[in-house]
Amino acid sequence: MKEVDVVRSLAALAQEVRLRVFRALVVAGNDGLTPGILADQLEVAPNTLSFHLKELVHSGLISQERQGRNLIYRASFATMNELLSYLTENCCQGAACLSPAATACDCQP
């Protein structure tokens, strides 16, 4: 992962609503969530949520898919894992101090 992508991802997560949205989508897994369900779950106004979803899509941390009349948002587990790997690749002076499970998620489709 390039530094510019890391900075973009971390900047996107450095806002309370976006962090809550991302975490909700991680919990939802590959099924994802619609904006309506996210707005209800997180008690966020739809227009505010729309702005934050756009920022998360731009960062690559989430994806958007149209299914009929609905938009489905999903966490990008590949991007999340790349970010975690980047942040931990040199921990403990390069020694393997974390198990592989601590830096990866197997939820990818």
PDB file of N, CA and C in Angstrom:
ATOM      1  N   MET A   1       0.857  -1.178   0.000  1.00  0.00           N
ATOM      2  CA  MET A   1       0.000   0.000   0.000  1.00  0.00           C
ATOM      3  C   MET A   1       0.902   1.239   0.000  1.00  0.00           C
ATOM      4  N   LYS A   2       0.595   2.177  -0.840  1.00  0.00           N
ATOM      5  CA  LYS A   2       1.380   3.403  -0.948  1.00  0.00           C
ATOM      6  C   LYS A   2       1.016   4.348   0.204  1.00  0.00           C
ATOM      7  N   GLU A   3       1.987   5.179   0.585  1.00  0.00           N
ATOM      8  CA  GLU A   3       1.754   6.120   1.673  1.00  0.00           C
ATOM      9  C   GLU A   3       0.563   7.034   1.410  1.00  0.00           C
ATOM     10  N   VAL A   4       0.385   7.473   0.175  1.00  0.00           N
ATOM     11  CA  VAL A   4      -0.719   8.363  -0.141  1.00  0.00           C
ATOM     12  C   VAL A   4      -2.060   7.671   0.139  1.00  0.00           C
ATOM     13  N   ASP A   5      -2.128   6.368  -0.122  1.00  0.00           N
ATOM     14  CA  ASP A   5      -3.348   5.609   0.149  1.00  0.00           C
ATOM     15  C   ASP A   5      -3.566   5.423   1.647  1.00  0.00           C
ATOM     16  N   VAL A   6      -2.477   5.216   2.375  1.00  0.00           N
ATOM     17  CA  VAL A   6      -2.565   5.085   3.832  1.00  0.00           C
ATOM     18  C   VAL A   6      -3.088   6.386   4.432  1.00  0.00           C
ATOM     19  N   VAL A   7      -2.528   7.501   4.001  1.00  0.00           N
ATOM     20  CA  VAL A   7      -2.951   8.807   4.512  1.00  0.00           C
ATOM     21  C   VAL A   7      -4.420   9.055   4.183  1.00  0.00           C
ATOM     22  N   ARG A   8      -4.832   8.717   2.981  1.00  0.00           N
ATOM     23  CA  ARG A   8      -6.231   8.901   2.580  1.00  0.00           C
ATOM     24  C   ARG A   8      -7.161   8.051   3.447  1.00  0.00           C
ATOM     25  N   SER A   9      -6.771   6.810   3.704  1.00  0.00           N
ATOM     26  CA  SER A   9      -7.593   5.920   4.525  1.00  0.00           C
ATOM     27  C   SER A   9      -7.674   6.411   5.969  1.00  0.00           C
ATOM     28  N   LEU A  10      -6.539   6.758   6.528  1.00  0.00           N
ATOM     29  CA  LEU A  10      -6.535   7.232   7.910  1.00  0.00           C
ATOM     30  C   LEU A  10      -7.291   8.550   8.058  1.00  0.00           C
ATOM     31  N   ALA A  11      -7.169   9.427   7.068  1.00  0.00           N
ATOM     32  CA  ALA A  11      -7.908  10.700   7.108  1.00  0.00           C
ATOM     33  C   ALA A  11      -9.410  10.442   7.072  1.00  0.00           C
ATOM     34  N   ALA A  12      -9.829   9.472   6.274  1.00  0.00           N
ATOM     35  CA  ALA A  12     -11.255   9.153   6.193  1.00  0.00           C
ATOM     36  C   ALA A  12     -11.771   8.627   7.525  1.00  0.00           C
ATOM     37  N   LEU A  13     -10.958   7.846   8.214  1.00  0.00           N
ATOM     38  CA  LEU A  13     -11.376   7.267   9.490  1.00  0.00           C
ATOM     39  C   LEU A  13     -11.233   8.237  10.661  1.00  0.00           C
ATOM     40  N   ALA A  14     -10.584   9.366  10.440  1.00  0.00           N
ATOM     41  CA  ALA A  14     -10.336  10.327  11.507  1.00  0.00           C
ATOM     42  C   ALA A  14     -11.523  11.270  11.702  1.00  0.00           C
ATOM     43  N   GLN A  15     -12.706  10.736  11.574  1.00  0.00           N
ATOM     44  CA  GLN A  15     -13.939  11.500  11.781  1.00  0.00           C
ATOM     45  C   GLN A  15     -14.940  10.537  12.411  1.00  0.00           C
ATOM     46  N   GLU A  16     -15.613  10.970  13.459  1.00  0.00           N
ATOM     47  CA  GLU A  16     -16.452  10.081  14.267  1.00  0.00           C
ATOM     48  C   GLU A  16     -17.518   9.334  13.466  1.00  0.00           C
ATOM     49  N   VAL A  17     -18.288  10.031  12.651  1.00  0.00           N
ATOM     50  CA  VAL A  17     -19.363   9.373  11.904  1.00  0.00           C
ATOM     51  C   VAL A  17     -18.791   8.368  10.909  1.00  0.00           C
ATOM     52  N   ARG A  18     -17.733   8.750  10.200  1.00  0.00           N
ATOM     53  CA  ARG A  18     -17.137   7.827   9.226  1.00  0.00           C
ATOM     54  C   ARG A  18     -16.560   6.593   9.902  1.00  0.00           C
ATOM     55  N   LEU A  19     -15.952   6.768  11.054  1.00  0.00           N
ATOM     56  CA  LEU A  19     -15.430   5.623  11.786  1.00  0.00           C
ATOM     57  C   LEU A  19     -16.567   4.699  12.207  1.00  0.00           C
ATOM     58  N   ARG A  20     -17.672   5.257  12.674  1.00  0.00           N
ATOM     59  CA  ARG A  20     -18.828   4.451  13.070  1.00  0.00           C
ATOM     60  C   ARG A  20     -19.437   3.730  11.865  1.00  0.00           C
ATOM     61  N   VAL A  21     -19.510   4.411  10.721  1.00  0.00           N
ATOM     62  CA  VAL A  21     -20.033   3.795   9.496  1.00  0.00           C
ATOM     63  C   VAL A  21     -19.144   2.628   9.087  1.00  0.00           C
ATOM     64  N   PHE A  22     -17.842   2.856   9.067  1.00  0.00           N
ATOM     65  CA  PHE A  22     -16.924   1.807   8.651  1.00  0.00           C
ATOM     66  C   PHE A  22     -17.033   0.596   9.573  1.00  0.00           C
ATOM     67  N   ARG A  23     -17.076   0.826  10.854  1.00  0.00           N
ATOM     68  CA  ARG A  23     -17.182  -0.281  11.808  1.00  0.00           C
ATOM     69  C   ARG A  23     -18.497  -1.039  11.625  1.00  0.00           C
ATOM     70  N   ALA A  24     -19.580  -0.322  11.367  1.00  0.00           N
ATOM     71  CA  ALA A  24     -20.865  -0.988  11.133  1.00  0.00           C
ATOM     72  C   ALA A  24     -20.803  -1.864   9.886  1.00  0.00           C
ATOM     73  N   LEU A  25     -20.128  -1.394   8.854  1.00  0.00           N
ATOM     74  CA  LEU A  25     -20.009  -2.173   7.626  1.00  0.00           C
ATOM     75  C   LEU A  25     -19.093  -3.377   7.812  1.00  0.00           C
ATOM     76  N   VAL A  26     -18.075  -3.246   8.649  1.00  0.00           N
ATOM     77  CA  VAL A  26     -17.227  -4.393   8.963  1.00  0.00           C
ATOM     78  C   VAL A  26     -18.057  -5.457   9.671  1.00  0.00           C
ATOM     79  N   VAL A  27     -18.874  -5.040  10.614  1.00  0.00           N
ATOM     80  CA  VAL A  27     -19.737  -5.981  11.347  1.00  0.00           C
ATOM     81  C   VAL A  27     -20.726  -6.648  10.390  1.00  0.00           C
ATOM     82  N   ALA A  28     -21.251  -5.892   9.429  1.00  0.00           N
ATOM     83  CA  ALA A  28     -22.237  -6.426   8.483  1.00  0.00           C
ATOM     84  C   ALA A  28     -21.640  -7.475   7.552  1.00  0.00           C
ATOM     85  N   GLY A  29     -20.327  -7.442   7.368  1.00  0.00           N
ATOM     86  CA  GLY A  29     -19.674  -8.425   6.512  1.00  0.00           C
ATOM     87  C   GLY A  29     -19.998  -8.227   5.046  1.00  0.00           C
ATOM     88  N   ASN A  30     -19.964  -9.322   4.299  1.00  0.00           N
ATOM     89  CA  ASN A  30     -20.151  -9.251   2.847  1.00  0.00           C
ATOM     90  C   ASN A  30     -21.570  -8.898   2.428  1.00  0.00           C
ATOM     91  N   ASP A  31     -22.533  -9.022   3.321  1.00  0.00           N
ATOM     92  CA  ASP A  31     -23.906  -8.641   2.977  1.00  0.00           C
ATOM     93  C   ASP A  31     -24.030  -7.138   2.796  1.00  0.00           C
ATOM     94  N   GLY A  32     -23.235  -6.375   3.534  1.00  0.00           N
ATOM     95  CA  GLY A  32     -23.296  -4.926   3.441  1.00  0.00           C
ATOM     96  C   GLY A  32     -24.581  -4.377   4.014  1.00  0.00           C
ATOM     97  N   LEU A  33     -24.749  -3.078   3.881  1.00  0.00           N
ATOM     98  CA  LEU A  33     -25.930  -2.387   4.389  1.00  0.00           C
ATOM     99  C   LEU A  33     -26.370  -1.296   3.420  1.00  0.00           C
ATOM    100  N   THR A  34     -27.639  -1.007   3.437  1.00  0.00           N
ATOM    101  CA  THR A  34     -28.164   0.111   2.659  1.00  0.00           C
ATOM    102  C   THR A  34     -27.987   1.394   3.468  1.00  0.00           C
ATOM    103  N   PRO A  35     -28.007   2.545   2.800  1.00  0.00           N
ATOM    104  CA  PRO A  35     -27.903   3.806   3.525  1.00  0.00           C
ATOM    105  C   PRO A  35     -29.031   3.985   4.551  1.00  0.00           C
ATOM    106  N   GLY A  36     -30.224   3.521   4.221  1.00  0.00           N
ATOM    107  CA  GLY A  36     -31.340   3.651   5.152  1.00  0.00           C
ATOM    108  C   GLY A  36     -31.105   2.897   6.448  1.00  0.00           C
ATOM    109  N   ILE A  37     -30.611   1.687   6.318  1.00  0.00           N
ATOM    110  CA  ILE A  37     -30.323   0.884   7.512  1.00  0.00           C
ATOM    111  C   ILE A  37     -29.186   1.516   8.302  1.00  0.00           C
ATOM    112  N   LEU A  38     -28.146   1.972   7.618  1.00  0.00           N
ATOM    113  CA  LEU A  38     -27.037   2.639   8.306  1.00  0.00           C
ATOM    114  C   LEU A  38     -27.522   3.883   9.044  1.00  0.00           C
ATOM    115  N   ALA A  39     -28.332   4.688   8.385  1.00  0.00           N
ATOM    116  CA  ALA A  39     -28.845   5.916   9.011  1.00  0.00           C
ATOM    117  C   ALA A  39     -29.645   5.586  10.268  1.00  0.00           C
ATOM    118  N   ASP A  40     -30.477   4.562  10.185  1.00  0.00           N
ATOM    119  CA  ASP A  40     -31.267   4.154  11.354  1.00  0.00           C
ATOM    120  C   ASP A  40     -30.379   3.620  12.472  1.00  0.00           C
ATOM    121  N   GLN A  41     -29.469   2.729  12.128  1.00  0.00           N
ATOM    122  CA  GLN A  41     -28.588   2.121  13.135  1.00  0.00           C
ATOM    123  C   GLN A  41     -27.729   3.157  13.847  1.00  0.00           C
ATOM    124  N   LEU A  42     -27.194   4.086  13.094  1.00  0.00           N
ATOM    125  CA  LEU A  42     -26.237   5.044  13.638  1.00  0.00           C
ATOM    126  C   LEU A  42     -26.876   6.361  14.061  1.00  0.00           C
ATOM    127  N   GLU A  43     -28.187   6.488  13.788  1.00  0.00           N
ATOM    128  CA  GLU A  43     -28.924   7.718  14.111  1.00  0.00           C
ATOM    129  C   GLU A  43     -28.252   8.950  13.502  1.00  0.00           C
ATOM    130  N   VAL A  44     -28.023   8.848  12.183  1.00  0.00           N
ATOM    131  CA  VAL A  44     -27.396   9.917  11.414  1.00  0.00           C
ATOM    132  C   VAL A  44     -28.378  10.347  10.328  1.00  0.00           C
ATOM    133  N   ALA A  45     -28.498  11.642  10.119  1.00  0.00           N
ATOM    134  CA  ALA A  45     -29.375  12.156   9.065  1.00  0.00           C
ATOM    135  C   ALA A  45     -28.918  11.637   7.712  1.00  0.00           C
ATOM    136  N   PRO A  46     -29.853  11.257   6.828  1.00  0.00           N
ATOM    137  CA  PRO A  46     -29.492  10.699   5.526  1.00  0.00           C
ATOM    138  C   PRO A  46     -28.560  11.585   4.691  1.00  0.00           C
ATOM    139  N   ASN A  47     -28.789  12.895   4.690  1.00  0.00           N
ATOM    140  CA  ASN A  47     -27.922  13.764   3.884  1.00  0.00           C
ATOM    141  C   ASN A  47     -26.505  13.828   4.471  1.00  0.00           C
ATOM    142  N   THR A  48     -26.387  13.791   5.787  1.00  0.00           N
ATOM    143  CA  THR A  48     -25.074  13.754   6.429  1.00  0.00           C
ATOM    144  C   THR A  48     -24.383  12.439   6.125  1.00  0.00           C
ATOM    145  N   LEU A  49     -25.138  11.350   6.217  1.00  0.00           N
ATOM    146  CA  LEU A  49     -24.586  10.028   5.936  1.00  0.00           C
ATOM    147  C   LEU A  49     -24.074   9.937   4.507  1.00  0.00           C
ATOM    148  N   SER A  50     -24.812  10.482   3.574  1.00  0.00           N
ATOM    149  CA  SER A  50     -24.423  10.456   2.166  1.00  0.00           C
ATOM    150  C   SER A  50     -23.048  11.084   1.959  1.00  0.00           C
ATOM    151  N   PHE A  51     -22.811  12.211   2.604  1.00  0.00           N
ATOM    152  CA  PHE A  51     -21.506  12.887   2.509  1.00  0.00           C
ATOM    153  C   PHE A  51     -20.398  11.977   3.026  1.00  0.00           C
ATOM    154  N   HIS A  52     -20.621  11.344   4.167  1.00  0.00           N
ATOM    155  CA  HIS A  52     -19.599  10.499   4.773  1.00  0.00           C
ATOM    156  C   HIS A  52     -19.367   9.214   3.972  1.00  0.00           C
ATOM    157  N   LEU A  53     -20.423   8.654   3.404  1.00  0.00           N
ATOM    158  CA  LEU A  53     -20.276   7.466   2.555  1.00  0.00           C
ATOM    159  C   LEU A  53     -19.413   7.790   1.341  1.00  0.00           C
ATOM    160  N   LYS A  54     -19.643   8.958   0.752  1.00  0.00           N
ATOM    161  CA  LYS A  54     -18.851   9.379  -0.408  1.00  0.00           C
ATOM    162  C   LYS A  54     -17.370   9.462  -0.050  1.00  0.00           C
ATOM    163  N   GLU A  55     -17.059  10.003   1.105  1.00  0.00           N
ATOM    164  CA  GLU A  55     -15.668  10.113   1.536  1.00  0.00           C
ATOM    165  C   GLU A  55     -15.037   8.738   1.754  1.00  0.00           C
ATOM    166  N   LEU A  56     -15.793   7.819   2.339  1.00  0.00           N
ATOM    167  CA  LEU A  56     -15.270   6.471   2.574  1.00  0.00           C
ATOM    168  C   LEU A  56     -15.084   5.712   1.262  1.00  0.00           C
ATOM    169  N   VAL A  57     -15.982   5.889   0.309  1.00  0.00           N
ATOM    170  CA  VAL A  57     -15.819   5.266  -1.009  1.00  0.00           C
ATOM    171  C   VAL A  57     -14.568   5.821  -1.677  1.00  0.00           C
ATOM    172  N   HIS A  58     -14.392   7.141  -1.612  1.00  0.00           N
ATOM    173  CA  HIS A  58     -13.220   7.781  -2.219  1.00  0.00           C
ATOM    174  C   HIS A  58     -11.920   7.256  -1.609  1.00  0.00           C
ATOM    175  N   SER A  59     -11.938   6.943  -0.333  1.00  0.00           N
ATOM    176  CA  SER A  59     -10.735   6.444   0.338  1.00  0.00           C
ATOM    177  C   SER A  59     -10.432   4.990  -0.018  1.00  0.00           C
ATOM    178  N   GLY A  60     -11.418   4.289  -0.576  1.00  0.00           N
ATOM    179  CA  GLY A  60     -11.240   2.885  -0.915  1.00  0.00           C
ATOM    180  C   GLY A  60     -11.557   1.930   0.225  1.00  0.00           C
ATOM    181  N   LEU A  61     -11.969   2.468   1.371  1.00  0.00           N
ATOM    182  CA  LEU A  61     -12.279   1.621   2.520  1.00  0.00           C
ATOM    183  C   LEU A  61     -13.628   0.916   2.399  1.00  0.00           C
ATOM    184  N   ILE A  62     -14.519   1.472   1.578  1.00  0.00           N
ATOM    185  CA  ILE A  62     -15.809   0.826   1.351  1.00  0.00           C
ATOM    186  C   ILE A  62     -16.120   0.849  -0.137  1.00  0.00           C
ATOM    187  N   SER A  63     -17.033  -0.024  -0.532  1.00  0.00           N
ATOM    188  CA  SER A  63     -17.475  -0.045  -1.930  1.00  0.00           C
ATOM    189  C   SER A  63     -18.977   0.169  -1.970  1.00  0.00           C
ATOM    190  N   GLN A  64     -19.444   0.538  -3.132  1.00  0.00           N
ATOM    191  CA  GLN A  64     -20.867   0.784  -3.361  1.00  0.00           C
ATOM    192  C   GLN A  64     -21.310  -0.063  -4.539  1.00  0.00           C
ATOM    193  N   GLU A  65     -22.460  -0.719  -4.383  1.00  0.00           N
ATOM    194  CA  GLU A  65     -23.014  -1.530  -5.469  1.00  0.00           C
ATOM    195  C   GLU A  65     -24.508  -1.277  -5.560  1.00  0.00           C
ATOM    196  N   ARG A  66     -24.986  -1.125  -6.779  1.00  0.00           N
ATOM    197  CA  ARG A  66     -26.422  -0.955  -6.977  1.00  0.00           C
ATOM    198  C   ARG A  66     -27.047  -2.330  -7.171  1.00  0.00           C
ATOM    199  N   GLN A  67     -28.092  -2.596  -6.383  1.00  0.00           N
ATOM    200  CA  GLN A  67     -28.889  -3.819  -6.531  1.00  0.00           C
ATOM    201  C   GLN A  67     -30.336  -3.377  -6.715  1.00  0.00           C
ATOM    202  N   GLY A  68     -30.758  -3.342  -7.972  1.00  0.00           N
ATOM    203  CA  GLY A  68     -32.103  -2.844  -8.263  1.00  0.00           C
ATOM    204  C   GLY A  68     -32.191  -1.372  -7.906  1.00  0.00           C
ATOM    205  N   ARG A  69     -33.111  -1.042  -7.014  1.00  0.00           N
ATOM    206  CA  ARG A  69     -33.285   0.351  -6.597  1.00  0.00           C
ATOM    207  C   ARG A  69     -32.429   0.707  -5.386  1.00  0.00           C
ATOM    208  N   ASN A  70     -31.751  -0.264  -4.820  1.00  0.00           N
ATOM    209  CA  ASN A  70     -30.985  -0.030  -3.595  1.00  0.00           C
ATOM    210  C   ASN A  70     -29.492   0.091  -3.862  1.00  0.00           C
ATOM    211  N   LEU A  71     -28.847   0.891  -3.041  1.00  0.00           N
ATOM    212  CA  LEU A  71     -27.396   0.930  -2.997  1.00  0.00           C
ATOM    213  C   LEU A  71     -26.971   0.098  -1.802  1.00  0.00           C
ATOM    214  N   ILE A  72     -25.980  -0.743  -2.002  1.00  0.00           N
ATOM    215  CA  ILE A  72     -25.431  -1.554  -0.929  1.00  0.00           C
ATOM    216  C   ILE A  72     -23.991  -1.114  -0.711  1.00  0.00           C
ATOM    217  N   TYR A  73     -23.661  -0.808   0.521  1.00  0.00           N
ATOM    218  CA  TYR A  73     -22.296  -0.430   0.880  1.00  0.00           C
ATOM    219  C   TYR A  73     -21.668  -1.580   1.652  1.00  0.00           C
ATOM    220  N   ARG A  74     -20.406  -1.841   1.338  1.00  0.00           N
ATOM    221  CA  ARG A  74     -19.663  -2.920   1.996  1.00  0.00           C
ATOM    222  C   ARG A  74     -18.273  -2.421   2.365  1.00  0.00           C
ATOM    223  N   ALA A  75     -17.765  -2.935   3.475  1.00  0.00           N
ATOM    224  CA  ALA A  75     -16.378  -2.652   3.829  1.00  0.00           C
ATOM    225  C   ALA A  75     -15.476  -3.362   2.831  1.00  0.00           C
ATOM    226  N   SER A  76     -14.401  -2.719   2.458  1.00  0.00           N
ATOM    227  CA  SER A  76     -13.398  -3.346   1.601  1.00  0.00           C
ATOM    228  C   SER A  76     -12.378  -4.020   2.509  1.00  0.00           C
ATOM    229  N   PHE A  77     -12.578  -5.317   2.731  1.00  0.00           N
ATOM    230  CA  PHE A  77     -11.701  -6.035   3.640  1.00  0.00           C
ATOM    231  C   PHE A  77     -10.277  -6.113   3.100  1.00  0.00           C
ATOM    232  N   ALA A  78     -10.123  -6.138   1.792  1.00  0.00           N
ATOM    233  CA  ALA A  78      -8.779  -6.159   1.205  1.00  0.00           C
ATOM    234  C   ALA A  78      -8.036  -4.873   1.556  1.00  0.00           C
ATOM    235  N   THR A  79      -8.692  -3.731   1.405  1.00  0.00           N
ATOM    236  CA  THR A  79      -8.057  -2.454   1.740  1.00  0.00           C
ATOM    237  C   THR A  79      -7.788  -2.363   3.235  1.00  0.00           C
ATOM    238  N   MET A  80      -8.741  -2.811   4.043  1.00  0.00           N
ATOM    239  CA  MET A  80      -8.554  -2.799   5.486  1.00  0.00           C
ATOM    240  C   MET A  80      -7.332  -3.632   5.874  1.00  0.00           C
ATOM    241  N   ASN A  81      -7.212  -4.824   5.291  1.00  0.00           N
ATOM    242  CA  ASN A  81      -6.072  -5.694   5.601  1.00  0.00           C
ATOM    243  C   ASN A  81      -4.754  -5.086   5.135  1.00  0.00           C
ATOM    244  N   GLU A  82      -4.768  -4.432   3.972  1.00  0.00           N
ATOM    245  CA  GLU A  82      -3.554  -3.766   3.496  1.00  0.00           C
ATOM    246  C   GLU A  82      -3.143  -2.651   4.455  1.00  0.00           C
ATOM    247  N   LEU A  83      -4.117  -1.896   4.930  1.00  0.00           N
ATOM    248  CA  LEU A  83      -3.834  -0.817   5.873  1.00  0.00           C
ATOM    249  C   LEU A  83      -3.269  -1.377   7.175  1.00  0.00           C
ATOM    250  N   LEU A  84      -3.888  -2.415   7.704  1.00  0.00           N
ATOM    251  CA  LEU A  84      -3.388  -3.040   8.934  1.00  0.00           C
ATOM    252  C   LEU A  84      -1.980  -3.595   8.734  1.00  0.00           C
ATOM    253  N   SER A  85      -1.750  -4.214   7.604  1.00  0.00           N
ATOM    254  CA  SER A  85      -0.412  -4.754   7.317  1.00  0.00           C
ATOM    255  C   SER A  85       0.617  -3.642   7.236  1.00  0.00           C
ATOM    256  N   TYR A  86       0.256  -2.560   6.562  1.00  0.00           N
ATOM    257  CA  TYR A  86       1.179  -1.423   6.448  1.00  0.00           C
ATOM    258  C   TYR A  86       1.536  -0.876   7.826  1.00  0.00           C
ATOM    259  N   LEU A  87       0.528  -0.745   8.682  1.00  0.00           N
ATOM    260  CA  LEU A  87       0.747  -0.161  10.005  1.00  0.00           C
ATOM    261  C   LEU A  87       1.554  -1.069  10.934  1.00  0.00           C
ATOM    262  N   THR A  88       1.526  -2.361  10.682  1.00  0.00           N
ATOM    263  CA  THR A  88       2.184  -3.297  11.600  1.00  0.00           C
ATOM    264  C   THR A  88       3.398  -4.006  11.000  1.00  0.00           C
ATOM    265  N   GLU A  89       3.753  -3.711   9.755  1.00  0.00           N
ATOM    266  CA  GLU A  89       4.812  -4.481   9.099  1.00  0.00           C
ATOM    267  C   GLU A  89       6.169  -4.377   9.782  1.00  0.00           C
ATOM    268  N   ASN A  90       6.446  -3.320  10.469  1.00  0.00           N
ATOM    269  CA  ASN A  90       7.749  -3.167  11.118  1.00  0.00           C
ATOM    270  C   ASN A  90       7.641  -3.120  12.637  1.00  0.00           C
ATOM    271  N   CYS A  91       6.569  -3.655  13.173  1.00  0.00           N
ATOM    272  CA  CYS A  91       6.431  -3.614  14.629  1.00  0.00           C
ATOM    273  C   CYS A  91       7.452  -4.552  15.269  1.00  0.00           C
ATOM    274  N   CYS A  92       7.795  -4.284  16.491  1.00  0.00           N
ATOM    275  CA  CYS A  92       8.722  -5.133  17.254  1.00  0.00           C
ATOM    276  C   CYS A  92      10.056  -5.321  16.532  1.00  0.00           C
ATOM    277  N   GLN A  93      10.554  -4.276  15.920  1.00  0.00           N
ATOM    278  CA  GLN A  93      11.825  -4.282  15.201  1.00  0.00           C
ATOM    279  C   GLN A  93      11.887  -5.356  14.123  1.00  0.00           C
ATOM    280  N   GLY A  94      10.754  -5.590  13.476  1.00  0.00           N
ATOM    281  CA  GLY A  94      10.705  -6.537  12.371  1.00  0.00           C
ATOM    282  C   GLY A  94      10.436  -7.970  12.778  1.00  0.00           C
ATOM    283  N   ALA A  95      10.389  -8.244  14.079  1.00  0.00           N
ATOM    284  CA  ALA A  95      10.100  -9.604  14.550  1.00  0.00           C
ATOM    285  C   ALA A  95       8.608  -9.879  14.442  1.00  0.00           C
ATOM    286  N   ALA A  96       8.260 -11.110  14.195  1.00  0.00           N
ATOM    287  CA  ALA A  96       6.848 -11.497  14.106  1.00  0.00           C
ATOM    288  C   ALA A  96       6.264 -11.558  15.516  1.00  0.00           C
ATOM    289  N   CYS A  97       5.630 -10.483  15.940  1.00  0.00           N
ATOM    290  CA  CYS A  97       5.090 -10.446  17.293  1.00  0.00           C
ATOM    291  C   CYS A  97       3.568 -10.559  17.303  1.00  0.00           C
ATOM    292  N   LEU A  98       2.948 -10.482  16.151  1.00  0.00           N
ATOM    293  CA  LEU A  98       1.505 -10.634  16.044  1.00  0.00           C
ATOM    294  C   LEU A  98       1.198 -11.880  15.224  1.00  0.00           C
ATOM    295  N   SER A  99       0.142 -12.563  15.599  1.00  0.00           N
ATOM    296  CA  SER A  99      -0.273 -13.703  14.784  1.00  0.00           C
ATOM    297  C   SER A  99      -0.853 -13.175  13.479  1.00  0.00           C
ATOM    298  N   PRO A 100      -0.822 -13.951  12.406  1.00  0.00           N
ATOM    299  CA  PRO A 100      -1.407 -13.495  11.134  1.00  0.00           C
ATOM    300  C   PRO A 100      -2.875 -13.116  11.283  1.00  0.00           C
ATOM    301  N   ALA A 101      -3.592 -13.766  12.174  1.00  0.00           N
ATOM    302  CA  ALA A 101      -5.012 -13.459  12.378  1.00  0.00           C
ATOM    303  C   ALA A 101      -5.205 -12.058  12.946  1.00  0.00           C
ATOM    304  N   ALA A 102      -4.210 -11.519  13.627  1.00  0.00           N
ATOM    305  CA  ALA A 102      -4.341 -10.196  14.228  1.00  0.00           C
ATOM    306  C   ALA A 102      -4.260  -9.079  13.190  1.00  0.00           C
ATOM    307  N   THR A 103      -3.759  -9.383  11.999  1.00  0.00           N
ATOM    308  CA  THR A 103      -3.604  -8.348  10.989  1.00  0.00           C
ATOM    309  C   THR A 103      -4.371  -8.656   9.714  1.00  0.00           C
ATOM    310  N   ALA A 104      -5.303  -9.589   9.798  1.00  0.00           N
ATOM    311  CA  ALA A 104      -6.042  -9.946   8.597  1.00  0.00           C
ATOM    312  C   ALA A 104      -7.462 -10.365   8.948  1.00  0.00           C
ATOM    313  N   CYS A 105      -8.325 -10.218   7.989  1.00  0.00           N
ATOM    314  CA  CYS A 105      -9.706 -10.619   8.130  1.00  0.00           C
ATOM    315  C   CYS A 105     -10.049 -11.506   6.934  1.00  0.00           C
ATOM    316  N   ASP A 106     -10.641 -12.643   7.174  1.00  0.00           N
ATOM    317  CA  ASP A 106     -10.960 -13.574   6.103  1.00  0.00           C
ATOM    318  C   ASP A 106     -12.349 -13.380   5.528  1.00  0.00           C
ATOM    319  N   CYS A 107     -12.903 -12.196   5.644  1.00  0.00           N
ATOM    320  CA  CYS A 107     -14.277 -11.939   5.199  1.00  0.00           C
ATOM    321  C   CYS A 107     -14.382 -11.601   3.719  1.00  0.00           C
ATOM    322  N   GLN A 108     -13.302 -11.674   2.990  1.00  0.00           N
ATOM    323  CA  GLN A 108     -13.334 -11.285   1.583  1.00  0.00           C
ATOM    324  C   GLN A 108     -14.221 -12.219   0.796  1.00  0.00           C
ATOM    325  N   PRO A 109     -14.968 -11.656  -0.160  1.00  0.00           N
ATOM    326  CA  PRO A 109     -15.843 -12.511  -0.991  1.00  0.00           C
ATOM    327  C   PRO A 109     -15.055 -13.402  -1.908  1.00  0.00           C
TER     328      PRO A 109
END
